[in-house]
Protein backbone atom coordinates (compact mmCIF):
# COMPACT_ATOMS: atom_id res chain seq x y z
CA MET A 1 99.94 62.85 16.52
CA LYS A 2 100.88 60.07 18.93
CA LYS A 3 98.18 59.16 21.47
CA HIS A 4 98.94 59.39 25.16
CA ASN A 5 98.85 55.97 26.84
CA PRO A 6 98.10 56.36 30.60
CA ARG A 7 98.95 52.71 31.32
CA GLN A 8 102.31 53.06 29.59
CA SER A 9 103.05 56.28 31.50
CA LEU A 10 102.21 54.55 34.80
CA THR A 11 104.48 51.64 33.90
CA VAL A 12 107.36 54.01 33.11
CA ALA A 13 106.79 55.95 36.34
CA LEU A 14 106.74 52.77 38.43
CA SER A 15 109.86 51.52 36.68
CA SER A 16 111.62 54.80 37.40
CA LEU A 17 110.55 54.61 41.04
CA ALA A 18 111.78 51.02 41.26
CA ILE A 19 115.14 52.01 39.80
CA ALA A 20 115.43 54.92 42.24
CA LEU A 21 114.55 52.72 45.19
CA ALA A 22 116.96 50.07 43.97
CA GLY A 23 119.65 52.76 43.84
CA ILE A 24 118.91 53.76 47.40
CA GLY A 25 118.92 50.12 48.43
CA ALA A 26 122.26 49.55 46.70
CA ALA A 27 123.70 52.63 48.42
CA GLN A 28 122.49 51.40 51.80
CA ALA A 29 123.88 47.95 51.10
CA ALA A 30 127.25 49.51 50.26
CA GLY A 31 127.16 51.25 53.61
CA VAL A 32 128.25 54.73 54.60
CA THR A 33 130.33 56.54 51.98
CA ASP A 34 132.68 59.49 52.09
CA GLU A 35 129.92 61.52 50.42
CA ASP A 36 127.46 60.53 53.16
CA ILE A 37 129.93 61.78 55.74
CA LEU A 38 130.64 65.08 53.99
CA LYS A 39 126.90 65.74 53.54
CA ASP A 40 125.88 64.70 57.06
CA ALA A 41 125.18 68.27 58.21
CA GLU A 42 122.52 68.74 55.54
CA THR A 43 121.17 65.17 55.47
CA THR A 44 118.22 64.84 57.82
CA HIS A 45 117.32 61.13 57.63
CA GLN A 46 120.54 59.89 59.24
CA VAL A 47 123.38 60.87 61.58
CA VAL A 48 126.71 59.36 60.51
CA THR A 49 129.26 61.68 62.14
CA HIS A 50 130.15 62.76 65.63
CA GLY A 51 128.93 66.36 65.53
CA LEU A 52 126.10 66.08 62.96
CA GLY A 53 128.62 66.96 60.28
CA THR A 54 132.41 66.96 60.02
CA LYS A 55 132.53 70.65 61.01
CA GLY A 56 130.93 69.82 64.37
CA GLN A 57 128.24 72.50 64.40
CA ARG A 58 125.61 70.16 65.88
CA TYR A 59 122.93 71.98 63.92
CA SER A 60 120.04 70.29 62.13
CA PRO A 61 117.79 72.12 59.64
CA LEU A 62 114.82 70.04 60.80
CA ALA A 63 111.95 72.24 61.99
CA LYS A 64 108.89 70.03 62.55
CA VAL A 65 109.77 70.11 66.22
CA ASN A 66 109.87 73.83 66.91
CA VAL A 67 109.07 76.39 69.60
CA ASP A 68 105.35 75.97 68.96
CA THR A 69 105.16 72.17 68.61
CA VAL A 70 107.82 71.01 71.07
CA LYS A 71 105.26 70.96 73.87
CA ASP A 72 103.91 67.80 72.24
CA LEU A 73 107.26 65.97 72.29
CA VAL A 74 106.83 62.61 74.05
CA PRO A 75 108.90 59.44 74.53
CA VAL A 76 108.66 56.82 71.79
CA TRP A 77 110.93 54.22 73.36
CA ALA A 78 113.74 53.85 75.86
CA PHE A 79 116.50 51.26 76.05
CA SER A 80 118.56 50.28 79.10
CA PHE A 81 122.24 49.41 78.80
CA GLY A 82 121.51 46.86 81.52
CA GLY A 83 123.60 45.09 84.12
CA GLU A 84 125.48 46.81 86.89
CA LYS A 85 127.83 48.61 84.51
CA GLN A 86 126.42 52.09 84.85
CA ARG A 87 128.75 55.02 85.57
CA GLY A 88 128.97 57.96 83.16
CA GLN A 89 127.27 57.73 79.75
CA GLN A 90 128.58 60.31 77.26
CA SER A 91 127.81 58.69 73.90
CA GLN A 92 126.37 60.48 70.89
CA PRO A 93 124.22 57.98 68.93
CA LEU A 94 124.63 57.37 65.20
CA ILE A 95 121.56 56.68 63.03
CA TYR A 96 121.80 54.76 59.76
CA ASP A 97 119.64 52.42 57.68
CA GLY A 98 117.02 51.85 60.38
CA LYS A 99 119.55 51.26 63.15
CA MET A 100 120.95 53.26 66.04
CA TYR A 101 124.56 52.62 67.10
CA VAL A 102 125.34 53.78 70.60
CA THR A 103 128.23 53.10 72.96
CA GLY A 104 128.04 52.61 76.72
CA SER A 105 130.40 52.71 79.67
CA TYR A 106 133.04 49.97 80.02
CA SER A 107 133.66 49.81 76.24
CA ARG A 108 130.30 48.46 75.10
CA ILE A 109 128.41 49.15 71.87
CA TYR A 110 124.82 48.37 70.89
CA ALA A 111 122.87 48.25 67.64
CA LEU A 112 119.18 49.07 68.17
CA ASP A 113 116.14 49.08 65.91
CA VAL A 114 115.59 52.80 65.53
CA LYS A 115 111.79 52.42 65.31
CA THR A 116 111.25 50.19 68.33
CA GLY A 117 114.41 50.27 70.45
CA ALA A 118 114.78 46.50 70.18
CA LYS A 119 118.35 45.30 70.65
CA LEU A 120 119.76 43.85 67.43
CA TRP A 121 123.22 43.05 68.75
CA LYS A 122 125.67 44.00 71.47
CA TYR A 123 129.46 43.88 71.67
CA GLU A 124 131.11 44.03 75.09
CA HIS A 125 134.85 44.44 74.93
CA ARG A 126 136.79 42.19 77.30
CA LEU A 127 138.74 44.65 79.43
CA PRO A 128 141.85 43.54 81.30
CA GLU A 129 142.52 44.20 84.96
CA GLY A 130 144.41 47.39 85.64
CA ILE A 131 142.96 49.82 83.08
CA MET A 132 143.63 53.43 84.10
CA PRO A 133 140.99 55.77 82.70
CA CYS A 134 141.40 59.27 84.08
CA CYS A 135 137.83 60.48 84.26
CA ASP A 136 135.38 57.60 84.51
CA VAL A 137 134.87 54.55 82.29
CA ILE A 138 133.03 56.52 79.61
CA ASN A 139 132.91 56.29 75.83
CA ARG A 140 131.79 59.19 73.62
CA GLY A 141 130.63 57.29 70.56
CA ALA A 142 131.50 55.42 67.39
CA ALA A 143 132.25 56.07 63.72
CA ILE A 144 130.56 54.35 60.80
CA TYR A 145 132.05 53.69 57.37
CA GLY A 146 131.15 51.17 54.68
CA ASP A 147 129.66 48.23 56.54
CA LEU A 148 131.76 48.87 59.66
CA VAL A 149 131.08 50.49 63.01
CA ILE A 150 134.31 51.48 64.77
CA PHE A 151 134.97 52.58 68.34
CA GLY A 152 137.79 52.87 70.87
CA THR A 153 138.21 51.00 74.14
CA LEU A 154 139.53 51.72 77.61
CA ASP A 155 142.49 49.40 77.02
CA ALA A 156 143.58 51.53 74.04
CA GLN A 157 142.30 49.43 71.16
CA LEU A 158 140.24 50.24 68.08
CA VAL A 159 137.57 47.69 67.23
CA ALA A 160 135.67 47.50 63.94
CA LEU A 161 132.44 45.50 63.84
CA ASN A 162 130.11 44.52 61.03
CA LYS A 163 127.25 47.00 61.32
CA ASP A 164 124.60 44.33 60.72
CA THR A 165 125.92 41.42 62.79
CA GLY A 166 128.18 42.95 65.44
CA LYS A 167 130.95 40.51 64.54
CA VAL A 168 134.53 41.75 64.89
CA VAL A 169 136.09 42.50 61.49
CA TRP A 170 139.39 43.95 62.71
CA ARG A 171 140.95 44.98 65.99
CA GLU A 172 144.08 47.10 66.37
CA LYS A 173 146.11 47.95 69.47
CA VAL A 174 146.81 51.68 69.64
CA ASP A 175 149.15 51.60 72.65
CA ASP A 176 149.84 50.01 76.03
CA TYR A 177 147.13 50.58 78.62
CA LYS A 178 149.69 49.72 81.32
CA ALA A 179 151.48 52.97 80.43
CA GLY A 180 148.25 54.92 80.98
CA TYR A 181 146.89 54.99 77.43
CA SER A 182 143.17 54.63 76.74
CA LEU A 183 140.64 55.67 74.10
CA THR A 184 137.44 57.52 75.02
CA ALA A 185 136.73 59.84 72.07
CA ALA A 186 134.47 59.10 69.13
CA PRO A 187 136.56 58.47 66.00
CA GLN A 188 136.00 60.59 62.91
CA ILE A 189 136.21 59.48 59.27
CA VAL A 190 138.10 61.76 56.87
CA LYS A 191 138.74 60.71 53.25
CA GLY A 192 138.38 57.04 54.06
CA LYS A 193 140.73 57.31 57.02
CA ILE A 194 139.74 56.89 60.64
CA ILE A 195 141.14 59.77 62.72
CA THR A 196 141.75 59.18 66.42
CA GLY A 197 143.79 60.51 69.29
CA VAL A 198 144.77 59.08 72.68
CA SER A 199 143.65 59.61 76.26
CA GLY A 200 145.93 59.47 79.30
CA GLY A 201 147.64 62.84 79.68
CA GLU A 202 147.65 62.46 83.48
CA PHE A 203 150.02 59.50 83.05
CA GLY A 204 152.66 61.20 80.90
CA VAL A 205 151.63 59.63 77.59
CA MET A 206 152.73 61.02 74.23
CA GLY A 207 149.79 62.90 72.70
CA ARG A 208 149.29 62.24 69.01
CA VAL A 209 146.85 62.04 66.12
CA GLU A 210 146.60 58.87 64.06
CA ALA A 211 145.10 58.08 60.67
CA ARG A 212 144.24 54.50 59.72
CA ASP A 213 142.60 52.92 56.72
CA ALA A 214 139.01 52.71 57.96
CA ARG A 215 138.36 49.43 56.14
CA THR A 216 141.43 47.57 57.43
CA GLY A 217 142.65 49.44 60.51
CA LYS A 218 146.18 49.69 59.10
CA MET A 219 148.18 52.82 59.85
CA VAL A 220 148.45 55.56 57.23
CA TRP A 221 150.22 58.26 59.27
CA MET A 222 150.91 59.30 62.86
CA ARG A 223 151.53 62.85 64.04
CA PRO A 224 152.82 63.57 67.59
CA VAL A 225 151.57 66.78 69.18
CA VAL A 226 154.44 67.01 71.66
CA GLU A 227 157.40 68.88 70.24
CA GLY A 228 160.45 66.69 69.65
CA HIS A 229 158.73 63.45 68.65
CA MET A 230 159.01 61.98 65.16
CA GLY A 231 155.99 61.63 62.89
CA TYR A 232 155.57 58.71 60.52
CA THR A 233 153.82 57.57 57.40
CA TYR A 234 153.43 53.86 56.75
CA ASP A 235 154.20 51.96 53.56
CA LYS A 236 152.07 49.23 51.98
CA ASP A 237 153.71 46.64 54.25
CA GLY A 238 152.92 48.67 57.37
CA LYS A 239 156.51 49.75 57.96
CA PRO A 240 157.00 53.27 59.40
CA VAL A 241 158.73 55.92 57.30
CA GLU A 242 159.93 59.05 59.10
CA ASN A 243 157.81 62.09 58.28
CA GLY A 244 159.53 64.87 60.22
CA ILE A 245 159.86 65.81 63.86
CA SER A 246 157.00 67.80 65.35
CA GLY A 247 158.47 71.22 66.10
CA THR A 248 162.09 71.60 67.18
CA THR A 249 163.46 69.43 69.96
CA ASN A 250 163.97 71.42 73.20
CA ALA A 251 162.83 74.71 71.65
CA THR A 252 159.94 75.01 74.12
CA TRP A 253 160.59 72.00 76.35
CA PRO A 254 163.63 71.63 78.65
CA GLY A 255 165.75 68.50 79.01
CA ASP A 256 163.94 65.22 78.50
CA LEU A 257 160.52 66.21 79.82
CA TRP A 258 159.10 66.31 76.27
CA LYS A 259 159.46 62.53 76.15
CA THR A 260 156.58 62.17 78.65
CA GLY A 261 154.90 65.43 77.72
CA GLY A 262 151.20 64.58 77.86
CA ALA A 263 149.14 66.80 75.51
CA ALA A 264 146.67 63.95 75.12
CA THR A 265 144.26 64.20 72.18
CA TRP A 266 141.28 62.79 74.04
CA GLN A 267 138.43 64.47 72.16
CA ALA A 268 137.07 63.93 68.64
CA ALA A 269 138.73 65.50 65.62
CA TYR A 270 136.74 67.65 63.19
CA TYR A 271 137.34 68.23 59.51
CA ASP A 272 136.61 71.14 57.20
CA PRO A 273 136.64 70.25 53.49
CA ASP A 274 136.65 73.97 52.58
CA VAL A 275 140.27 74.28 53.75
CA ASP A 276 141.02 70.52 53.74
CA LEU A 277 142.28 70.43 57.32
CA ILE A 278 141.68 68.26 60.38
CA PHE A 279 141.32 70.15 63.67
CA MET A 280 142.32 68.45 66.90
CA GLY A 281 142.60 69.86 70.41
CA THR A 282 145.51 68.92 72.65
CA GLY A 283 145.57 68.46 76.39
CA THR A 284 147.64 69.87 79.21
CA PRO A 285 151.38 69.18 79.33
CA ALA A 286 152.68 66.66 81.83
CA PRO A 287 153.27 67.06 84.66
CA TRP A 288 150.82 69.74 85.82
CA ASN A 289 153.65 71.27 87.87
CA SER A 290 154.78 73.93 85.40
CA TRP A 291 157.96 74.79 87.34
CA LEU A 292 159.52 71.60 86.04
CA ARG A 293 159.07 72.56 82.36
CA PRO A 294 159.85 76.22 81.53
CA GLY A 295 158.73 77.36 78.09
CA ASP A 296 155.55 77.27 76.04
CA ASN A 297 155.60 73.44 75.85
CA LEU A 298 154.31 73.06 72.29
CA TYR A 299 151.90 71.75 71.14
CA SER A 300 150.07 71.26 74.44
CA SER A 301 146.83 73.07 75.37
CA ALA A 302 146.31 74.07 71.77
CA THR A 303 144.40 73.57 68.54
CA VAL A 304 146.42 71.92 65.79
CA ALA A 305 145.41 71.88 62.13
CA ILE A 306 146.66 68.81 60.28
CA ASP A 307 146.86 67.92 56.59
CA PRO A 308 144.66 64.80 56.25
CA ASP A 309 146.82 63.36 53.46
CA THR A 310 150.28 63.73 54.99
CA GLY A 311 149.77 64.17 58.74
CA LYS A 312 151.82 67.38 58.73
CA ILE A 313 150.84 70.21 61.09
CA ALA A 314 149.64 73.10 58.92
CA TRP A 315 149.18 75.56 61.80
CA HIS A 316 148.66 75.63 65.54
CA TYR A 317 147.23 78.04 68.07
CA GLN A 318 148.15 77.61 71.72
CA SER A 319 145.40 78.95 73.97
CA THR A 320 147.32 78.35 77.22
CA PRO A 321 151.11 78.41 76.69
CA HIS A 322 153.07 76.95 79.62
CA ASP A 323 149.85 75.65 81.14
CA GLY A 324 150.02 75.37 84.93
CA TRP A 325 146.32 74.87 85.69
CA ASP A 326 145.30 71.81 83.61
CA TYR A 327 143.46 73.95 81.07
CA ASP A 328 143.40 71.26 78.40
CA GLY A 329 142.89 72.69 74.92
CA VAL A 330 140.99 69.63 73.70
CA ASN A 331 137.61 71.34 73.33
CA GLU A 332 136.13 71.23 69.84
CA PHE A 333 137.10 73.75 67.13
CA VAL A 334 133.85 74.37 65.25
CA SER A 335 133.96 75.75 61.69
CA PHE A 336 131.68 78.69 60.87
CA GLU A 337 131.60 81.82 58.72
CA TYR A 338 132.73 84.91 60.66
CA LYS A 339 131.92 88.42 59.48
CA ASP A 340 134.84 90.60 60.50
CA PRO A 341 133.34 93.73 62.13
CA LYS A 342 136.29 95.87 60.98
CA THR A 343 136.43 94.90 57.31
CA GLY A 344 132.96 93.47 56.73
CA GLN A 345 134.58 90.48 55.05
CA VAL A 346 133.35 86.94 55.72
CA VAL A 347 136.22 84.77 56.98
CA LYS A 348 136.36 80.98 57.13
CA ALA A 349 136.77 80.74 60.88
CA GLY A 350 136.51 78.36 63.79
CA GLY A 351 135.20 78.92 67.30
CA LYS A 352 136.41 77.31 70.51
CA ALA A 353 135.15 77.72 74.07
CA ASP A 354 138.30 76.81 75.96
CA ARG A 355 138.69 75.26 79.38
CA ASN A 356 140.64 78.39 80.39
CA GLY A 357 137.46 80.52 80.22
CA PHE A 358 138.13 82.38 76.96
CA PHE A 359 136.24 81.94 73.70
CA PHE A 360 138.61 82.02 70.71
CA VAL A 361 137.86 82.73 67.05
CA ASN A 362 140.62 81.79 64.59
CA ASP A 363 140.95 81.89 60.83
CA ARG A 364 140.67 78.21 60.07
CA SER A 365 142.91 78.41 57.02
CA ASN A 366 145.96 79.74 58.87
CA GLY A 367 145.19 79.92 62.60
CA LYS A 368 145.31 83.72 62.86
CA LEU A 369 143.48 84.93 65.96
CA LEU A 370 140.44 87.01 65.03
CA ASN A 371 138.72 87.45 68.38
CA ALA A 372 139.01 86.31 72.01
CA PHE A 373 136.80 87.13 74.98
CA PRO A 374 135.61 85.60 78.28
CA PHE A 375 132.48 83.45 78.27
CA VAL A 376 132.54 82.98 82.07
CA THR A 377 132.19 85.64 84.75
CA ARG A 378 135.58 85.22 86.41
CA ILE A 379 139.05 84.47 85.03
CA ASP A 380 142.02 84.78 87.43
CA TRP A 381 145.02 83.26 85.66
CA ALA A 382 145.11 85.87 82.85
CA LYS A 383 143.99 89.47 82.51
CA GLY A 384 143.00 88.99 78.89
CA ILE A 385 144.24 87.89 75.47
CA ASP A 386 146.45 90.15 73.35
CA LEU A 387 144.70 90.10 69.97
CA GLN A 388 147.88 91.21 68.18
CA THR A 389 150.21 88.52 69.52
CA GLY A 390 147.51 85.96 70.32
CA ARG A 391 149.08 85.38 73.73
CA PRO A 392 147.47 85.51 77.18
CA LEU A 393 148.28 88.38 79.51
CA PHE A 394 149.30 86.18 82.43
CA ASP A 395 148.79 87.10 86.06
CA GLU A 396 151.84 85.23 87.39
CA SER A 397 150.66 85.70 90.98
CA LYS A 398 147.95 83.19 90.10
CA ARG A 399 150.38 80.47 89.04
CA PRO A 400 150.65 77.79 91.78
CA GLY A 401 153.79 78.36 93.87
CA ASN A 402 157.14 76.72 93.15
CA PRO A 403 157.49 73.76 95.54
CA PHE A 404 161.29 73.86 95.21
CA THR A 405 161.88 77.38 96.59
CA GLU A 406 161.06 79.22 99.76
CA GLY A 407 159.67 82.01 97.60
CA GLY A 408 157.07 79.57 96.39
CA GLY A 409 155.99 78.99 99.97
CA ALA A 410 157.50 75.52 100.05
CA VAL A 411 159.16 73.56 102.78
CA GLU A 412 161.49 70.70 101.97
CA GLY A 413 159.50 67.87 100.39
CA GLY A 414 156.29 69.89 100.75
CA LYS A 415 153.99 71.80 98.46
CA GLY A 416 154.21 75.22 96.92
CA LYS A 417 152.03 78.20 97.75
CA VAL A 418 148.30 77.56 97.37
CA VAL A 419 146.50 79.97 95.04
CA PHE A 420 142.83 80.35 94.17
CA ASN A 421 142.02 80.36 90.47
CA ALA A 422 138.94 80.57 88.30
CA PRO A 423 137.88 78.74 86.32
CA SER A 424 138.70 75.44 87.97
CA PHE A 425 140.69 72.84 86.04
CA LEU A 426 137.38 71.24 85.04
CA GLY A 427 137.02 74.33 82.90
CA GLY A 428 134.72 77.09 81.83
CA LYS A 429 133.69 74.35 79.40
CA ASN A 430 134.90 70.78 79.30
CA GLN A 431 134.14 67.75 77.10
CA MET A 432 130.47 68.64 76.52
CA PRO A 433 130.27 69.81 72.89
CA MET A 434 128.67 73.17 72.11
CA ALA A 435 126.51 73.91 69.07
CA PHE A 436 126.41 76.67 66.44
CA SER A 437 123.32 77.86 64.58
CA PRO A 438 123.78 79.47 61.15
CA ASP A 439 120.22 80.81 61.62
CA THR A 440 121.05 82.94 64.66
CA GLY A 441 124.82 83.24 64.23
CA LEU A 442 125.21 82.23 67.89
CA PHE A 443 127.17 79.53 69.69
CA TYR A 444 125.37 77.69 72.47
CA VAL A 445 127.90 76.96 75.19
CA PRO A 446 127.36 74.78 78.29
CA ALA A 447 129.46 76.84 80.70
CA ASN A 448 130.37 76.36 84.37
CA GLU A 449 131.25 78.87 87.09
CA TRP A 450 133.70 77.38 89.58
CA GLY A 451 137.18 77.98 90.93
CA MET A 452 139.85 75.98 92.72
CA ASP A 453 142.52 76.05 95.32
CA ILE A 454 145.55 74.63 93.53
CA TRP A 455 149.13 73.94 94.57
CA ASN A 456 152.22 72.24 93.12
CA GLU A 457 154.15 69.33 94.55
CA PRO A 458 157.38 67.57 93.60
CA VAL A 459 156.85 64.67 91.19
CA SER A 460 158.86 62.39 88.94
CA TYR A 461 157.73 60.21 86.07
CA LYS A 462 156.99 56.54 86.69
CA ARG A 463 155.50 54.54 83.86
CA GLY A 464 151.80 53.90 84.43
CA ALA A 465 151.55 56.12 87.53
CA ALA A 466 149.71 59.41 87.90
CA TYR A 467 152.01 62.25 86.84
CA LEU A 468 150.50 65.46 88.17
CA GLY A 469 152.70 67.21 90.70
CA ALA A 470 149.68 69.20 91.84
CA GLY A 471 146.78 69.11 94.26
CA PHE A 472 143.47 70.92 94.12
CA THR A 473 140.06 71.51 95.65
CA ILE A 474 137.23 72.70 93.40
CA LYS A 475 134.74 75.23 94.79
CA PRO A 476 131.59 76.82 93.36
CA LEU A 477 131.72 80.57 92.80
CA TYR A 478 128.04 81.25 93.45
CA GLU A 479 125.39 79.86 95.76
CA ASP A 480 122.54 79.80 93.26
CA TYR A 481 124.16 78.10 90.25
CA ILE A 482 127.23 76.47 88.76
CA GLY A 483 126.14 75.63 85.21
CA ALA A 484 124.84 78.12 82.65
CA MET A 485 123.67 77.49 79.10
CA ARG A 486 124.87 80.58 77.27
CA ALA A 487 124.17 81.98 73.82
CA VAL A 488 127.44 83.58 72.74
CA ASP A 489 127.90 86.05 69.88
CA PRO A 490 131.35 85.29 68.37
CA VAL A 491 131.55 88.72 66.71
CA SER A 492 130.61 91.04 69.59
CA GLY A 493 131.82 88.72 72.34
CA LYS A 494 128.56 89.29 74.20
CA ILE A 495 126.46 86.73 76.07
CA VAL A 496 123.04 87.21 74.45
CA TRP A 497 121.16 85.13 77.01
CA GLU A 498 121.80 82.51 79.65
CA VAL A 499 119.87 79.85 81.54
CA LYS A 500 121.36 79.07 84.95
CA ASN A 501 121.49 75.58 86.45
CA ASN A 502 122.18 74.55 90.04
CA ALA A 503 124.50 71.65 89.13
CA PRO A 504 127.36 71.85 86.60
CA LEU A 505 126.39 71.37 82.97
CA TRP A 506 128.26 68.34 81.64
CA GLY A 507 126.25 67.34 78.55
CA GLY A 508 126.41 68.50 74.94
CA VAL A 509 124.11 70.70 72.88
CA LEU A 510 121.95 70.41 69.76
CA THR A 511 120.37 73.31 67.88
CA THR A 512 117.82 73.09 65.08
CA GLY A 513 116.00 74.93 62.33
CA GLY A 514 112.99 74.86 64.63
CA ASN A 515 114.59 77.69 66.66
CA LEU A 516 115.41 75.27 69.47
CA VAL A 517 118.41 74.45 71.64
CA PHE A 518 118.37 71.02 73.31
CA TYR A 519 120.63 70.15 76.24
CA GLY A 520 120.62 67.95 79.33
CA THR A 521 121.27 68.57 83.02
CA PRO A 522 122.78 66.43 85.80
CA GLU A 523 119.41 66.65 87.54
CA GLY A 524 118.11 64.36 84.77
CA TYR A 525 116.27 66.75 82.48
CA LEU A 526 116.50 66.96 78.74
CA LYS A 527 115.50 70.56 78.02
CA ALA A 528 114.57 72.65 75.00
CA VAL A 529 114.86 76.43 75.00
CA ASN A 530 114.13 79.11 72.43
CA ALA A 531 117.36 79.64 70.45
CA LYS A 532 116.78 83.41 70.21
CA THR A 533 115.65 84.17 73.76
CA GLY A 534 116.64 81.26 76.02
CA ASP A 535 113.06 80.82 77.21
CA GLU A 536 112.44 77.24 78.30
CA VAL A 537 109.73 75.59 76.20
CA TRP A 538 110.00 71.88 77.14
CA GLN A 539 111.66 69.46 79.53
CA TYR A 540 111.58 65.75 80.29
CA GLN A 541 112.94 63.85 83.29
CA THR A 542 115.10 60.92 82.08
CA GLY A 543 115.75 59.40 85.49
CA SER A 544 119.50 60.04 85.65
CA GLY A 545 121.87 62.86 84.85
CA VAL A 546 122.42 63.76 81.19
CA ILE A 547 126.10 64.23 80.28
CA ALA A 548 125.80 63.34 76.58
CA PRO A 549 124.88 65.34 73.44
CA PRO A 550 121.39 64.99 71.87
CA VAL A 551 120.79 64.23 68.18
CA THR A 552 117.83 64.57 65.83
CA TRP A 553 116.78 62.99 62.52
CA GLU A 554 113.74 62.43 60.31
CA MET A 555 112.05 59.09 59.66
CA ASP A 556 108.77 58.37 57.86
CA GLY A 557 108.00 62.08 57.75
CA GLU A 558 108.46 62.60 61.50
CA GLN A 559 111.25 64.28 63.44
CA TYR A 560 112.91 62.36 66.28
CA VAL A 561 115.19 63.48 69.11
CA ALA A 562 117.43 61.14 71.10
CA VAL A 563 119.78 61.44 74.06
CA VAL A 564 121.72 59.08 76.32
CA SER A 565 121.12 59.45 80.06
CA GLY A 566 123.49 58.28 82.81
CA TRP A 567 125.18 60.37 85.51
CA GLY A 568 128.93 60.12 86.04
CA GLY A 569 132.04 61.45 84.36
CA ALA A 570 134.65 63.69 85.94
CA VAL A 571 132.47 65.82 88.21
CA PRO A 572 131.62 63.23 90.89
CA LEU A 573 135.20 61.90 90.75
CA TRP A 574 137.16 65.17 90.86
CA GLY A 575 134.62 67.78 91.90
CA GLY A 576 135.64 68.48 95.50
CA ASP A 577 133.11 70.79 97.18
CA VAL A 578 131.11 70.78 93.94
CA ALA A 579 130.72 67.01 94.08
CA LYS A 580 129.09 67.37 97.49
CA ARG A 581 126.40 69.53 95.92
CA VAL A 582 125.43 66.77 93.47
CA ASN A 583 126.16 63.61 95.44
CA TYR A 584 122.44 62.78 95.64
CA LEU A 585 122.27 62.14 91.88
CA GLU A 586 121.82 58.55 90.77
CA GLN A 587 123.69 56.67 88.06
CA GLY A 588 121.92 55.20 85.07
CA GLY A 589 122.32 53.96 81.53
CA MET A 590 119.48 54.59 79.09
CA VAL A 591 118.80 55.81 75.56
CA TRP A 592 115.67 57.94 75.23
CA VAL A 593 113.95 58.66 71.91
CA PHE A 594 111.19 61.26 71.43
CA LYS A 595 108.82 62.47 68.71
CA LEU A 596 105.72 64.66 68.49
CA HIS A 597 102.52 63.14 69.85
CA LYS A 598 99.79 62.83 67.24
CA SER A 599 96.51 64.05 68.70
């Protein structure tokens, strides 16, 4: 019988450990892989996607910070973006290989030591005079792939930087900023391709989704989301090859208005590998004045599902056909498993809290509407959603009046009849991403209760000029609150609990295995509430309004939480009477990182 040799066993164990560590080191050196991205939702030591996973659930299984321990959550470090370039800060940080990558206003990006907050490098994009961002000079975050960190700029470029040095590796122009194009969304990586859209719907741009080789920036395919425009794939030499017109020209758009049709894709795409589809929301059609463009105006104010390999539209669902209220459909479509109450079957579904005030549940394989219900207290423009046809039951008396007819209340050269509508065009929910917990089966939606006086005006397209044909004044509906964090049951359509907030909620949400929901407020607080009850269990004052989504990760056996703080965005720019309620709030630009205090 062979004798056991403890020293030999130790040597073998150490060798095995060394090989394992070397493997990890080699993987880190190779950078972020497609597998890293697909497993981001279940990987707790890093955050390498916008949404904590390609499905966008913003759920982490981490539970060391929980309803019992969160009281001991304290700041570890904070980092200032510096200078006078404050304004709105809406970035979701990425965490990888000991570094945090976070974007700031005015097209800046920083790499920080995730343990100390020390700045490792900074890239500040040189912006030209005359950029035309609609809704503040914000940026919502970056993508990471291989050894590259990639983000969009306000002059409509994509920039890829070496993740370790901050040096520019490639830079690609997406479109002409002088025509109103810009990029504000965080890119998403799908099968080695970087998926982006465009901002600028208020300027009559052509909304579209693009796929580029993430390592080189070269185009792979382009898919317009305004009916009548041609899609393209690109050959090895970068030459475009026609890939079919989106929809049928003039089927739902009159005349030539489709050529400047808006439908900007200004939020992040999400991807579900289960059905192998990219989901992208589309913005309002241009101009806002709907009397100029009879018809449904596909594919505006909708969710489109796109084949990631070909760029073809697999299905679409239009939440606001013939939109006349600026109810952009860009809000995130979040994949989840939906138990049909009629059949008991579990359906691969997606949930979307739309600007128009309705929460939609669709089969994510084919777009079939499964459920739709209000998640705000007042909706004027429609009486409901027909679950059979999937179409809204419009209240046409709530469409702004036709400025070209006396019946619309117009005088020559004047405006149409003013109508009051709820929600306001800033939406029952806007850019701030919601979260879904597979533990509770609930969506956590940052909702807002406000309405608007809105009217239409004559308008014609001029390249690079605002193309609205509408005016508006936003008004709060209630004296005691505007914002409300709501736990929404996608099956019953019920609001399980809510936490009211005086100012509008404009920041995203994180939920965790610790039975917590984290979110920020314009008043400057990062808050944690019980995911099952809504009871507040922790808060911290960051010094400026929070309009960005929190993230969490694990490092050296401890759980961390981070959020970007910095008041701004659309509310103070467009908010009307609402803006007066929050005009005392101060701007800022900080990253805050927290962990549990060790007693």
